[in-house]
Amino acid sequence: MEFDNTTSRLEELNHAQALRNIPIVVYLGLVGITGCIGNSLVFYIYASIYTKLNSRIFLLFLAAIDWSTCVIDIPLEIIIVLNEYNFQDTLLCKFSRTGNALTTLYAGGVLLAIAVDRYLKICRPVGFQISNMTAKLLCIALFFVTILLIWPEFVMNGLQTVVIKGEGLNGTDCSVGDDYQKSAYPTVFKFFIFILFTASLSIMIVMYCLIGRKVRFFAYKSERRGSLSKTNTLDSTENLDDVSNLNRLHRTENSNAAAMNEYVHVSMSKSKDNVNTTYNSNDSIDDLKSMDSQTSEIGTIERKKPFKIQLSTTQLDQIKRRRTLARNTTYLMFIVTSSFIIAGMPYMILIILSNTIDNFVLNLNPSGRVVYGFFLRSYFLGAAVNPIIYSIFDRRFRHACRGMARKFKLKVCRTG
């Protein structure tokens, strides 16, 4: 009879706490629904409409992992929230906690890869670039690496005995299992994840700072050139990146012979006498530099005076559009990364507090546990906010959404 009374009282306390946790359930439900719809839309648009968009592979993988968070992780988390004092399914707990760690860390890894990709495109445009195939292989490799990193979550998590303050009763919650409560492994693992998060965050900050510096440098040069001259001449000493990008554009997108045989006249000198040499624009700048050793008998390239490359208005427009697109995409990715960091910051702070302050969670009253539980799940917001960011800052995505809305409206009107 005493056991029945204890069970009944425990169920009453669990029900009361579940009612207090309704705000958390509503928050998770809204994030799940919004994220499911939004990420489905993102996946469709970037997979079927903008098939040639830079960074689309990263965006597709990011949308897929966010979608799985909204469809799988959030419903499991709602079940846990509604059974905070009386959770009984060990296997469900393991899958829930492991899934949360997998999606969160994997999303962070993809964002780190995006930061590297943006850095290469803005700061190293003539060097190695991440192609679509490389991006796919990188995202797949990141997935398996993340699994190797988070497997301890599946082992350590389970049913944890919790003391219900003021009742003298013990309940069960989904957290680090009782078998590992006195072990150092959970603390070491959390410290490792914190170091990994800090290192990744530092790398992303450095990358975007270098990108911002380069973008400001480009903007300064553009303003200076615009104030000095409005001609269609580019100075090679200040625009080597643009010329190389344009050459790459000709090689990949222009297969006709005319585009492959444009010539640039390089002014050369021989003991104060000028000698005209023909240089193929599709060759690399390094090939031009190597001509010094081959022209010792007839003269050397004039280094003090920059040579001029005559570009058409169309070519200048191509350079401007490519540079503007790169800057806009980088700005968009920076905002996405910032939102991910901001969403996960409360979680990291609470984890630090709970591991440095003794009985931090146990000393909270029921209302305090609600506030704690709400901010502990702040990182879920990152799974739903990305489609909203795209709709605000990505004109192409916004245009595609409007087009889909118009088609849907016309279809509804026809059927009606």
Foldseek 3Di string as FASTA:
>chain_A
DVVVVQVVVLVVVLQVLLVLLVVLLVVLLVLLVLLLVLLVLLLCCLVPPVVPDPPSLLSNLLSVLLNCCSVPQSVLVNVQSSRAFADDDFQSLLCNQLSVQLSLVLSLVSLLVVLVQLLCVQVVVLDDHQDSVNSVVSSVVSSVVSCVLRVVSSVQWGWDWADAPPPRHIGIHTDGHPVCPPPCVVVVSLVVVVVVVVVSVVSSVVSVVVSVVSVVVVVVVVVVCVVPDDDQKDFCVVCLSLLSVLLVCCVPPPPDPVSQADWFWAWFDDPNRTDIDIDGSNDHVVVVVVCQVVCPPPGGGDPVDTGIDRDDPVSVVVSVVSSVSSVLVSVLSVVLSVVLCVQCVLLSVLVVCPVPDPCPVVPDHSSRNSVVVNSNNSNSSSSNCSSVSCCVRPPSSVVVVVVVVVVVVVVVVVVD
